[in-house]
Amino acid sequence: MTAIDEVRSKIERIDNEIIKLIAERTDLANDVLESKRQEHRAINDDTQNHVVLDRAANIATEKNLDSGAVKEIFEILIRMSIERQHELSGEGNLP
């Protein structure tokens, strides 16, 4: 195996782990939805979304990453969670 193949293999393992973590995060949508139902909250929580985005941007900055790009990734993750919550509530993919 060449040096580049070894690096690509490591990247592939990391990519697989990222996807696994995204799946775990998305699976938590059911727990979030149940909590929101018990507390009579709407599915979309702009305040919490901002907290998550700010936290992600701050961590990205600490890690010397592009905080804007990381925020975009987390916007997608938030959208996936909201969509899953709508699906679980029987509302389909409505925003």
PDB file of N, CA and C in Angstrom:
ATOM      1  N   MET A   1       0.854  -1.173   0.000  1.00  0.00           N
ATOM      2  CA  MET A   1       0.000   0.000   0.000  1.00  0.00           C
ATOM      3  C   MET A   1       0.905   1.242   0.000  1.00  0.00           C
ATOM      4  N   THR A   2       0.605   2.171  -0.873  1.00  0.00           N
ATOM      5  CA  THR A   2       1.410   3.390  -0.953  1.00  0.00           C
ATOM      6  C   THR A   2       1.026   4.344   0.170  1.00  0.00           C
ATOM      7  N   ALA A   3       1.838   5.360   0.362  1.00  0.00           N
ATOM      8  CA  ALA A   3       1.573   6.350   1.410  1.00  0.00           C
ATOM      9  C   ALA A   3       0.224   7.027   1.189  1.00  0.00           C
ATOM     10  N   ILE A   4      -0.075   7.372  -0.057  1.00  0.00           N
ATOM     11  CA  ILE A   4      -1.352   8.027  -0.344  1.00  0.00           C
ATOM     12  C   ILE A   4      -2.515   7.085  -0.075  1.00  0.00           C
ATOM     13  N   ASP A   5      -2.334   5.799  -0.364  1.00  0.00           N
ATOM     14  CA  ASP A   5      -3.381   4.817  -0.081  1.00  0.00           C
ATOM     15  C   ASP A   5      -3.638   4.708   1.418  1.00  0.00           C
ATOM     16  N   GLU A   6      -2.585   4.768   2.206  1.00  0.00           N
ATOM     17  CA  GLU A   6      -2.735   4.708   3.660  1.00  0.00           C
ATOM     18  C   GLU A   6      -3.502   5.919   4.175  1.00  0.00           C
ATOM     19  N   VAL A   7      -3.160   7.084   3.656  1.00  0.00           N
ATOM     20  CA  VAL A   7      -3.862   8.305   4.070  1.00  0.00           C
ATOM     21  C   VAL A   7      -5.323   8.230   3.651  1.00  0.00           C
ATOM     22  N   ARG A   8      -5.568   7.784   2.432  1.00  0.00           N
ATOM     23  CA  ARG A   8      -6.953   7.667   1.962  1.00  0.00           C
ATOM     24  C   ARG A   8      -7.735   6.647   2.778  1.00  0.00           C
ATOM     25  N   SER A   9      -7.084   5.604   3.204  1.00  0.00           N
ATOM     26  CA  SER A   9      -7.728   4.609   4.053  1.00  0.00           C
ATOM     27  C   SER A   9      -8.123   5.221   5.397  1.00  0.00           C
ATOM     28  N   LYS A  10      -7.241   6.039   5.951  1.00  0.00           N
ATOM     29  CA  LYS A  10      -7.558   6.731   7.208  1.00  0.00           C
ATOM     30  C   LYS A  10      -8.730   7.682   7.016  1.00  0.00           C
ATOM     31  N   ILE A  11      -8.731   8.405   5.900  1.00  0.00           N
ATOM     32  CA  ILE A  11      -9.834   9.325   5.607  1.00  0.00           C
ATOM     33  C   ILE A  11     -11.139   8.557   5.477  1.00  0.00           C
ATOM     34  N   GLU A  12     -11.094   7.408   4.817  1.00  0.00           N
ATOM     35  CA  GLU A  12     -12.296   6.592   4.662  1.00  0.00           C
ATOM     36  C   GLU A  12     -12.833   6.143   6.019  1.00  0.00           C
ATOM     37  N   ARG A  13     -11.952   5.736   6.917  1.00  0.00           N
ATOM     38  CA  ARG A  13     -12.386   5.333   8.265  1.00  0.00           C
ATOM     39  C   ARG A  13     -13.024   6.512   8.998  1.00  0.00           C
ATOM     40  N   ILE A  14     -12.422   7.684   8.873  1.00  0.00           N
ATOM     41  CA  ILE A  14     -12.982   8.880   9.509  1.00  0.00           C
ATOM     42  C   ILE A  14     -14.344   9.206   8.901  1.00  0.00           C
ATOM     43  N   ASP A  15     -14.456   9.142   7.570  1.00  0.00           N
ATOM     44  CA  ASP A  15     -15.736   9.399   6.907  1.00  0.00           C
ATOM     45  C   ASP A  15     -16.813   8.445   7.409  1.00  0.00           C
ATOM     46  N   ASN A  16     -16.463   7.171   7.552  1.00  0.00           N
ATOM     47  CA  ASN A  16     -17.420   6.188   8.067  1.00  0.00           C
ATOM     48  C   ASN A  16     -17.855   6.535   9.480  1.00  0.00           C
ATOM     49  N   GLU A  17     -16.921   6.980  10.296  1.00  0.00           N
ATOM     50  CA  GLU A  17     -17.243   7.373  11.672  1.00  0.00           C
ATOM     51  C   GLU A  17     -18.140   8.611  11.682  1.00  0.00           C
ATOM     52  N   ILE A  18     -17.861   9.565  10.810  1.00  0.00           N
ATOM     53  CA  ILE A  18     -18.701  10.765  10.713  1.00  0.00           C
ATOM     54  C   ILE A  18     -20.130  10.368  10.358  1.00  0.00           C
ATOM     55  N   ILE A  19     -20.283   9.487   9.379  1.00  0.00           N
ATOM     56  CA  ILE A  19     -21.622   9.048   8.973  1.00  0.00           C
ATOM     57  C   ILE A  19     -22.322   8.319  10.112  1.00  0.00           C
ATOM     58  N   LYS A  20     -21.590   7.494  10.840  1.00  0.00           N
ATOM     59  CA  LYS A  20     -22.157   6.793  11.996  1.00  0.00           C
ATOM     60  C   LYS A  20     -22.649   7.805  13.033  1.00  0.00           C
ATOM     61  N   LEU A  21     -21.871   8.832  13.291  1.00  0.00           N
ATOM     62  CA  LEU A  21     -22.256   9.853  14.264  1.00  0.00           C
ATOM     63  C   LEU A  21     -23.455  10.672  13.781  1.00  0.00           C
ATOM     64  N   ILE A  22     -23.518  10.948  12.483  1.00  0.00           N
ATOM     65  CA  ILE A  22     -24.679  11.653  11.939  1.00  0.00           C
ATOM     66  C   ILE A  22     -25.931  10.803  12.137  1.00  0.00           C
ATOM     67  N   ALA A  23     -25.820   9.505  11.896  1.00  0.00           N
ATOM     68  CA  ALA A  23     -26.961   8.608  12.094  1.00  0.00           C
ATOM     69  C   ALA A  23     -27.392   8.591  13.559  1.00  0.00           C
ATOM     70  N   GLU A  24     -26.431   8.526  14.471  1.00  0.00           N
ATOM     71  CA  GLU A  24     -26.754   8.549  15.901  1.00  0.00           C
ATOM     72  C   GLU A  24     -27.446   9.852  16.275  1.00  0.00           C
ATOM     73  N   ARG A  25     -26.933  10.962  15.746  1.00  0.00           N
ATOM     74  CA  ARG A  25     -27.512  12.274  16.045  1.00  0.00           C
ATOM     75  C   ARG A  25     -28.942  12.346  15.516  1.00  0.00           C
ATOM     76  N   THR A  26     -29.142  11.861  14.294  1.00  0.00           N
ATOM     77  CA  THR A  26     -30.462  11.892  13.680  1.00  0.00           C
ATOM     78  C   THR A  26     -31.430  10.978  14.425  1.00  0.00           C
ATOM     79  N   ASP A  27     -30.957   9.841  14.893  1.00  0.00           N
ATOM     80  CA  ASP A  27     -31.807   8.925  15.656  1.00  0.00           C
ATOM     81  C   ASP A  27     -32.315   9.554  16.950  1.00  0.00           C
ATOM     82  N   LEU A  28     -31.588  10.503  17.491  1.00  0.00           N
ATOM     83  CA  LEU A  28     -32.017  11.179  18.716  1.00  0.00           C
ATOM     84  C   LEU A  28     -33.223  12.092  18.484  1.00  0.00           C
ATOM     85  N   ALA A  29     -33.582  12.303  17.220  1.00  0.00           N
ATOM     86  CA  ALA A  29     -34.729  13.153  16.909  1.00  0.00           C
ATOM     87  C   ALA A  29     -35.996  12.638  17.580  1.00  0.00           C
ATOM     88  N   ASN A  30     -36.144  11.324  17.705  1.00  0.00           N
ATOM     89  CA  ASN A  30     -37.325  10.770  18.362  1.00  0.00           C
ATOM     90  C   ASN A  30     -37.382  11.190  19.826  1.00  0.00           C
ATOM     91  N   ASP A  31     -36.249  11.118  20.514  1.00  0.00           N
ATOM     92  CA  ASP A  31     -36.205  11.536  21.920  1.00  0.00           C
ATOM     93  C   ASP A  31     -36.497  13.027  22.057  1.00  0.00           C
ATOM     94  N   VAL A  32     -35.934  13.809  21.143  1.00  0.00           N
ATOM     95  CA  VAL A  32     -36.169  15.255  21.169  1.00  0.00           C
ATOM     96  C   VAL A  32     -37.650  15.542  20.937  1.00  0.00           C
ATOM     97  N   LEU A  33     -38.241  14.861  19.961  1.00  0.00           N
ATOM     98  CA  LEU A  33     -39.654  15.066  19.657  1.00  0.00           C
ATOM     99  C   LEU A  33     -40.526  14.724  20.856  1.00  0.00           C
ATOM    100  N   GLU A  34     -40.257  13.611  21.511  1.00  0.00           N
ATOM    101  CA  GLU A  34     -41.050  13.225  22.683  1.00  0.00           C
ATOM    102  C   GLU A  34     -40.944  14.273  23.787  1.00  0.00           C
ATOM    103  N   SER A  35     -39.752  14.781  24.018  1.00  0.00           N
ATOM    104  CA  SER A  35     -39.571  15.823  25.035  1.00  0.00           C
ATOM    105  C   SER A  35     -40.330  17.084  24.655  1.00  0.00           C
ATOM    106  N   LYS A  36     -40.269  17.454  23.392  1.00  0.00           N
ATOM    107  CA  LYS A  36     -40.987  18.647  22.937  1.00  0.00           C
ATOM    108  C   LYS A  36     -42.491  18.465  23.091  1.00  0.00           C
ATOM    109  N   ARG A  37     -42.986  17.269  22.799  1.00  0.00           N
ATOM    110  CA  ARG A  37     -44.420  17.007  22.963  1.00  0.00           C
ATOM    111  C   ARG A  37     -44.829  17.146  24.427  1.00  0.00           C
ATOM    112  N   GLN A  38     -44.033  16.580  25.324  1.00  0.00           N
ATOM    113  CA  GLN A  38     -44.350  16.641  26.750  1.00  0.00           C
ATOM    114  C   GLN A  38     -44.340  18.075  27.269  1.00  0.00           C
ATOM    115  N   GLU A  39     -43.472  18.893  26.697  1.00  0.00           N
ATOM    116  CA  GLU A  39     -43.354  20.285  27.131  1.00  0.00           C
ATOM    117  C   GLU A  39     -44.162  21.237  26.247  1.00  0.00           C
ATOM    118  N   HIS A  40     -44.960  20.671  25.334  1.00  0.00           N
ATOM    119  CA  HIS A  40     -45.806  21.449  24.424  1.00  0.00           C
ATOM    120  C   HIS A  40     -44.998  22.491  23.653  1.00  0.00           C
ATOM    121  N   ARG A  41     -43.878  22.050  23.114  1.00  0.00           N
ATOM    122  CA  ARG A  41     -43.011  22.928  22.324  1.00  0.00           C
ATOM    123  C   ARG A  41     -43.166  22.619  20.839  1.00  0.00           C
ATOM    124  N   ALA A  42     -42.891  23.624  20.034  1.00  0.00           N
ATOM    125  CA  ALA A  42     -42.899  23.439  18.582  1.00  0.00           C
ATOM    126  C   ALA A  42     -41.676  22.625  18.170  1.00  0.00           C
ATOM    127  N   ILE A  43     -41.772  21.992  17.013  1.00  0.00           N
ATOM    128  CA  ILE A  43     -40.644  21.201  16.528  1.00  0.00           C
ATOM    129  C   ILE A  43     -39.442  22.092  16.272  1.00  0.00           C
ATOM    130  N   ASN A  44     -39.665  23.207  15.580  1.00  0.00           N
ATOM    131  CA  ASN A  44     -38.547  24.098  15.277  1.00  0.00           C
ATOM    132  C   ASN A  44     -38.306  25.038  16.456  1.00  0.00           C
ATOM    133  N   ASP A  45     -37.093  25.040  16.960  1.00  0.00           N
ATOM    134  CA  ASP A  45     -36.711  25.862  18.110  1.00  0.00           C
ATOM    135  C   ASP A  45     -35.530  26.743  17.697  1.00  0.00           C
ATOM    136  N   ASP A  46     -35.860  27.939  17.207  1.00  0.00           N
ATOM    137  CA  ASP A  46     -34.817  28.838  16.701  1.00  0.00           C
ATOM    138  C   ASP A  46     -33.764  29.166  17.750  1.00  0.00           C
ATOM    139  N   THR A  47     -34.175  29.313  18.994  1.00  0.00           N
ATOM    140  CA  THR A  47     -33.213  29.635  20.053  1.00  0.00           C
ATOM    141  C   THR A  47     -32.187  28.518  20.195  1.00  0.00           C
ATOM    142  N   GLN A  48     -32.654  27.277  20.270  1.00  0.00           N
ATOM    143  CA  GLN A  48     -31.738  26.141  20.390  1.00  0.00           C
ATOM    144  C   GLN A  48     -30.876  25.992  19.145  1.00  0.00           C
ATOM    145  N   ASN A  49     -31.466  26.237  17.989  1.00  0.00           N
ATOM    146  CA  ASN A  49     -30.691  26.151  16.752  1.00  0.00           C
ATOM    147  C   ASN A  49     -29.518  27.125  16.782  1.00  0.00           C
ATOM    148  N   HIS A  50     -29.764  28.345  17.262  1.00  0.00           N
ATOM    149  CA  HIS A  50     -28.685  29.340  17.359  1.00  0.00           C
ATOM    150  C   HIS A  50     -27.629  28.909  18.371  1.00  0.00           C
ATOM    151  N   VAL A  51     -28.058  28.309  19.470  1.00  0.00           N
ATOM    152  CA  VAL A  51     -27.104  27.816  20.471  1.00  0.00           C
ATOM    153  C   VAL A  51     -26.192  26.764  19.843  1.00  0.00           C
ATOM    154  N   VAL A  52     -26.781  25.834  19.109  1.00  0.00           N
ATOM    155  CA  VAL A  52     -26.005  24.767  18.469  1.00  0.00           C
ATOM    156  C   VAL A  52     -25.039  25.351  17.443  1.00  0.00           C
ATOM    157  N   LEU A  53     -25.523  26.277  16.626  1.00  0.00           N
ATOM    158  CA  LEU A  53     -24.670  26.874  15.593  1.00  0.00           C
ATOM    159  C   LEU A  53     -23.527  27.677  16.198  1.00  0.00           C
ATOM    160  N   ASP A  54     -23.832  28.442  17.245  1.00  0.00           N
ATOM    161  CA  ASP A  54     -22.773  29.220  17.907  1.00  0.00           C
ATOM    162  C   ASP A  54     -21.734  28.306  18.544  1.00  0.00           C
ATOM    163  N   ARG A  55     -22.204  27.239  19.196  1.00  0.00           N
ATOM    164  CA  ARG A  55     -21.284  26.293  19.823  1.00  0.00           C
ATOM    165  C   ARG A  55     -20.384  25.642  18.769  1.00  0.00           C
ATOM    166  N   ALA A  56     -20.977  25.235  17.661  1.00  0.00           N
ATOM    167  CA  ALA A  56     -20.202  24.608  16.586  1.00  0.00           C
ATOM    168  C   ALA A  56     -19.170  25.581  16.019  1.00  0.00           C
ATOM    169  N   ALA A  57     -19.571  26.825  15.830  1.00  0.00           N
ATOM    170  CA  ALA A  57     -18.639  27.827  15.293  1.00  0.00           C
ATOM    171  C   ALA A  57     -17.495  28.083  16.265  1.00  0.00           C
ATOM    172  N   ASN A  58     -17.808  28.146  17.545  1.00  0.00           N
ATOM    173  CA  ASN A  58     -16.761  28.374  18.550  1.00  0.00           C
ATOM    174  C   ASN A  58     -15.766  27.219  18.601  1.00  0.00           C
ATOM    175  N   ILE A  59     -16.271  26.008  18.566  1.00  0.00           N
ATOM    176  CA  ILE A  59     -15.380  24.842  18.579  1.00  0.00           C
ATOM    177  C   ILE A  59     -14.537  24.822  17.309  1.00  0.00           C
ATOM    178  N   ALA A  60     -15.153  25.143  16.180  1.00  0.00           N
ATOM    179  CA  ALA A  60     -14.408  25.186  14.917  1.00  0.00           C
ATOM    180  C   ALA A  60     -13.273  26.195  15.000  1.00  0.00           C
ATOM    181  N   THR A  61     -13.554  27.354  15.568  1.00  0.00           N
ATOM    182  CA  THR A  61     -12.525  28.388  15.711  1.00  0.00           C
ATOM    183  C   THR A  61     -11.395  27.884  16.591  1.00  0.00           C
ATOM    184  N   GLU A  62     -11.741  27.221  17.699  1.00  0.00           N
ATOM    185  CA  GLU A  62     -10.718  26.666  18.593  1.00  0.00           C
ATOM    186  C   GLU A  62      -9.844  25.642  17.871  1.00  0.00           C
ATOM    187  N   LYS A  63     -10.439  24.908  16.935  1.00  0.00           N
ATOM    188  CA  LYS A  63      -9.715  23.866  16.195  1.00  0.00           C
ATOM    189  C   LYS A  63      -9.070  24.412  14.919  1.00  0.00           C
ATOM    190  N   ASN A  64      -9.139  25.738  14.755  1.00  0.00           N
ATOM    191  CA  ASN A  64      -8.554  26.403  13.591  1.00  0.00           C
ATOM    192  C   ASN A  64      -9.196  25.927  12.283  1.00  0.00           C
ATOM    193  N   LEU A  65     -10.514  25.751  12.328  1.00  0.00           N
ATOM    194  CA  LEU A  65     -11.287  25.371  11.149  1.00  0.00           C
ATOM    195  C   LEU A  65     -12.114  26.563  10.685  1.00  0.00           C
ATOM    196  N   ASP A  66     -12.594  26.503   9.474  1.00  0.00           N
ATOM    197  CA  ASP A  66     -13.456  27.537   8.915  1.00  0.00           C
ATOM    198  C   ASP A  66     -14.810  27.469   9.630  1.00  0.00           C
ATOM    199  N   SER A  67     -15.057  28.423  10.521  1.00  0.00           N
ATOM    200  CA  SER A  67     -16.284  28.380  11.324  1.00  0.00           C
ATOM    201  C   SER A  67     -17.529  28.523  10.456  1.00  0.00           C
ATOM    202  N   GLY A  68     -17.434  29.271   9.367  1.00  0.00           N
ATOM    203  CA  GLY A  68     -18.574  29.407   8.463  1.00  0.00           C
ATOM    204  C   GLY A  68     -18.939  28.085   7.816  1.00  0.00           C
ATOM    205  N   ALA A  69     -17.935  27.347   7.389  1.00  0.00           N
ATOM    206  CA  ALA A  69     -18.183  26.040   6.774  1.00  0.00           C
ATOM    207  C   ALA A  69     -18.763  25.067   7.792  1.00  0.00           C
ATOM    208  N   VAL A  70     -18.240  25.090   9.002  1.00  0.00           N
ATOM    209  CA  VAL A  70     -18.749  24.205  10.048  1.00  0.00           C
ATOM    210  C   VAL A  70     -20.196  24.570  10.380  1.00  0.00           C
ATOM    211  N   LYS A  71     -20.508  25.862  10.424  1.00  0.00           N
ATOM    212  CA  LYS A  71     -21.896  26.277  10.666  1.00  0.00           C
ATOM    213  C   LYS A  71     -22.813  25.755   9.562  1.00  0.00           C
ATOM    214  N   GLU A  72     -22.347  25.788   8.319  1.00  0.00           N
ATOM    215  CA  GLU A  72     -23.155  25.260   7.214  1.00  0.00           C
ATOM    216  C   GLU A  72     -23.435  23.772   7.410  1.00  0.00           C
ATOM    217  N   ILE A  73     -22.435  23.038   7.837  1.00  0.00           N
ATOM    218  CA  ILE A  73     -22.616  21.607   8.099  1.00  0.00           C
ATOM    219  C   ILE A  73     -23.660  21.408   9.191  1.00  0.00           C
ATOM    220  N   PHE A  74     -23.571  22.205  10.249  1.00  0.00           N
ATOM    221  CA  PHE A  74     -24.521  22.056  11.347  1.00  0.00           C
ATOM    222  C   PHE A  74     -25.913  22.542  10.971  1.00  0.00           C
ATOM    223  N   GLU A  75     -26.014  23.495  10.066  1.00  0.00           N
ATOM    224  CA  GLU A  75     -27.332  23.888   9.566  1.00  0.00           C
ATOM    225  C   GLU A  75     -27.994  22.703   8.868  1.00  0.00           C
ATOM    226  N   ILE A  76     -27.211  21.949   8.122  1.00  0.00           N
ATOM    227  CA  ILE A  76     -27.731  20.748   7.461  1.00  0.00           C
ATOM    228  C   ILE A  76     -28.147  19.708   8.502  1.00  0.00           C
ATOM    229  N   LEU A  77     -27.325  19.506   9.521  1.00  0.00           N
ATOM    230  CA  LEU A  77     -27.657  18.536  10.571  1.00  0.00           C
ATOM    231  C   LEU A  77     -28.937  18.935  11.300  1.00  0.00           C
ATOM    232  N   ILE A  78     -29.079  20.218  11.583  1.00  0.00           N
ATOM    233  CA  ILE A  78     -30.295  20.706  12.244  1.00  0.00           C
ATOM    234  C   ILE A  78     -31.500  20.464  11.343  1.00  0.00           C
ATOM    235  N   ARG A  79     -31.360  20.784  10.063  1.00  0.00           N
ATOM    236  CA  ARG A  79     -32.453  20.568   9.119  1.00  0.00           C
ATOM    237  C   ARG A  79     -32.834  19.089   9.062  1.00  0.00           C
ATOM    238  N   MET A  80     -31.838  18.200   9.058  1.00  0.00           N
ATOM    239  CA  MET A  80     -32.116  16.762   9.049  1.00  0.00           C
ATOM    240  C   MET A  80     -32.890  16.348  10.294  1.00  0.00           C
ATOM    241  N   SER A  81     -32.526  16.902  11.437  1.00  0.00           N
ATOM    242  CA  SER A  81     -33.213  16.578  12.683  1.00  0.00           C
ATOM    243  C   SER A  81     -34.658  17.074  12.656  1.00  0.00           C
ATOM    244  N   ILE A  82     -34.848  18.292  12.188  1.00  0.00           N
ATOM    245  CA  ILE A  82     -36.200  18.852  12.112  1.00  0.00           C
ATOM    246  C   ILE A  82     -37.054  18.033  11.148  1.00  0.00           C
ATOM    247  N   GLU A  83     -36.484  17.669  10.003  1.00  0.00           N
ATOM    248  CA  GLU A  83     -37.227  16.848   9.044  1.00  0.00           C
ATOM    249  C   GLU A  83     -37.599  15.501   9.650  1.00  0.00           C
ATOM    250  N   ARG A  84     -36.671  14.885  10.367  1.00  0.00           N
ATOM    251  CA  ARG A  84     -36.963  13.597  11.001  1.00  0.00           C
ATOM    252  C   ARG A  84     -38.070  13.755  12.042  1.00  0.00           C
ATOM    253  N   GLN A  85     -38.035  14.839  12.815  1.00  0.00           N
ATOM    254  CA  GLN A  85     -39.074  15.067  13.813  1.00  0.00           C
ATOM    255  C   GLN A  85     -40.438  15.240  13.152  1.00  0.00           C
ATOM    256  N   HIS A  86     -40.476  15.949  12.020  1.00  0.00           N
ATOM    257  CA  HIS A  86     -41.738  16.092  11.288  1.00  0.00           C
ATOM    258  C   HIS A  86     -42.219  14.733  10.789  1.00  0.00           C
ATOM    259  N   GLU A  87     -41.303  13.926  10.271  1.00  0.00           N
ATOM    260  CA  GLU A  87     -41.671  12.588   9.796  1.00  0.00           C
ATOM    261  C   GLU A  87     -42.235  11.751  10.939  1.00  0.00           C
ATOM    262  N   LEU A  88     -41.561  11.785  12.083  1.00  0.00           N
ATOM    263  CA  LEU A  88     -41.988  10.989  13.234  1.00  0.00           C
ATOM    264  C   LEU A  88     -43.327  11.459  13.787  1.00  0.00           C
ATOM    265  N   SER A  89     -43.610  12.740  13.633  1.00  0.00           N
ATOM    266  CA  SER A  89     -44.869  13.280  14.146  1.00  0.00           C
ATOM    267  C   SER A  89     -46.016  13.064  13.165  1.00  0.00           C
ATOM    268  N   GLY A  90     -45.694  12.514  11.991  1.00  0.00           N
ATOM    269  CA  GLY A  90     -46.718  12.267  10.988  1.00  0.00           C
ATOM    270  C   GLY A  90     -46.949  13.437  10.063  1.00  0.00           C
ATOM    271  N   GLU A  91     -46.080  14.431  10.124  1.00  0.00           N
ATOM    272  CA  GLU A  91     -46.248  15.625   9.299  1.00  0.00           C
ATOM    273  C   GLU A  91     -45.440  15.571   8.011  1.00  0.00           C
ATOM    274  N   GLY A  92     -44.742  14.484   7.742  1.00  0.00           N
ATOM    275  CA  GLY A  92     -43.920  14.402   6.538  1.00  0.00           C
ATOM    276  C   GLY A  92     -42.723  15.318   6.622  1.00  0.00           C
ATOM    277  N   ASN A  93     -42.316  15.892   5.514  1.00  0.00           N
ATOM    278  CA  ASN A  93     -41.131  16.751   5.467  1.00  0.00           C
ATOM    279  C   ASN A  93     -41.486  18.227   5.514  1.00  0.00           C
ATOM    280  N   LEU A  94     -42.601  18.561   6.076  1.00  0.00           N
ATOM    281  CA  LEU A  94     -42.987  19.964   6.124  1.00  0.00           C
ATOM    282  C   LEU A  94     -42.045  20.742   7.027  1.00  0.00           C
ATOM    283  N   PRO A  95     -41.662  21.943   6.588  1.00  0.00           N
ATOM    284  CA  PRO A  95     -40.765  22.761   7.440  1.00  0.00           C
ATOM    285  C   PRO A  95     -41.474  23.317   8.644  1.00  0.00           C
TER     286      PRO A  95
END
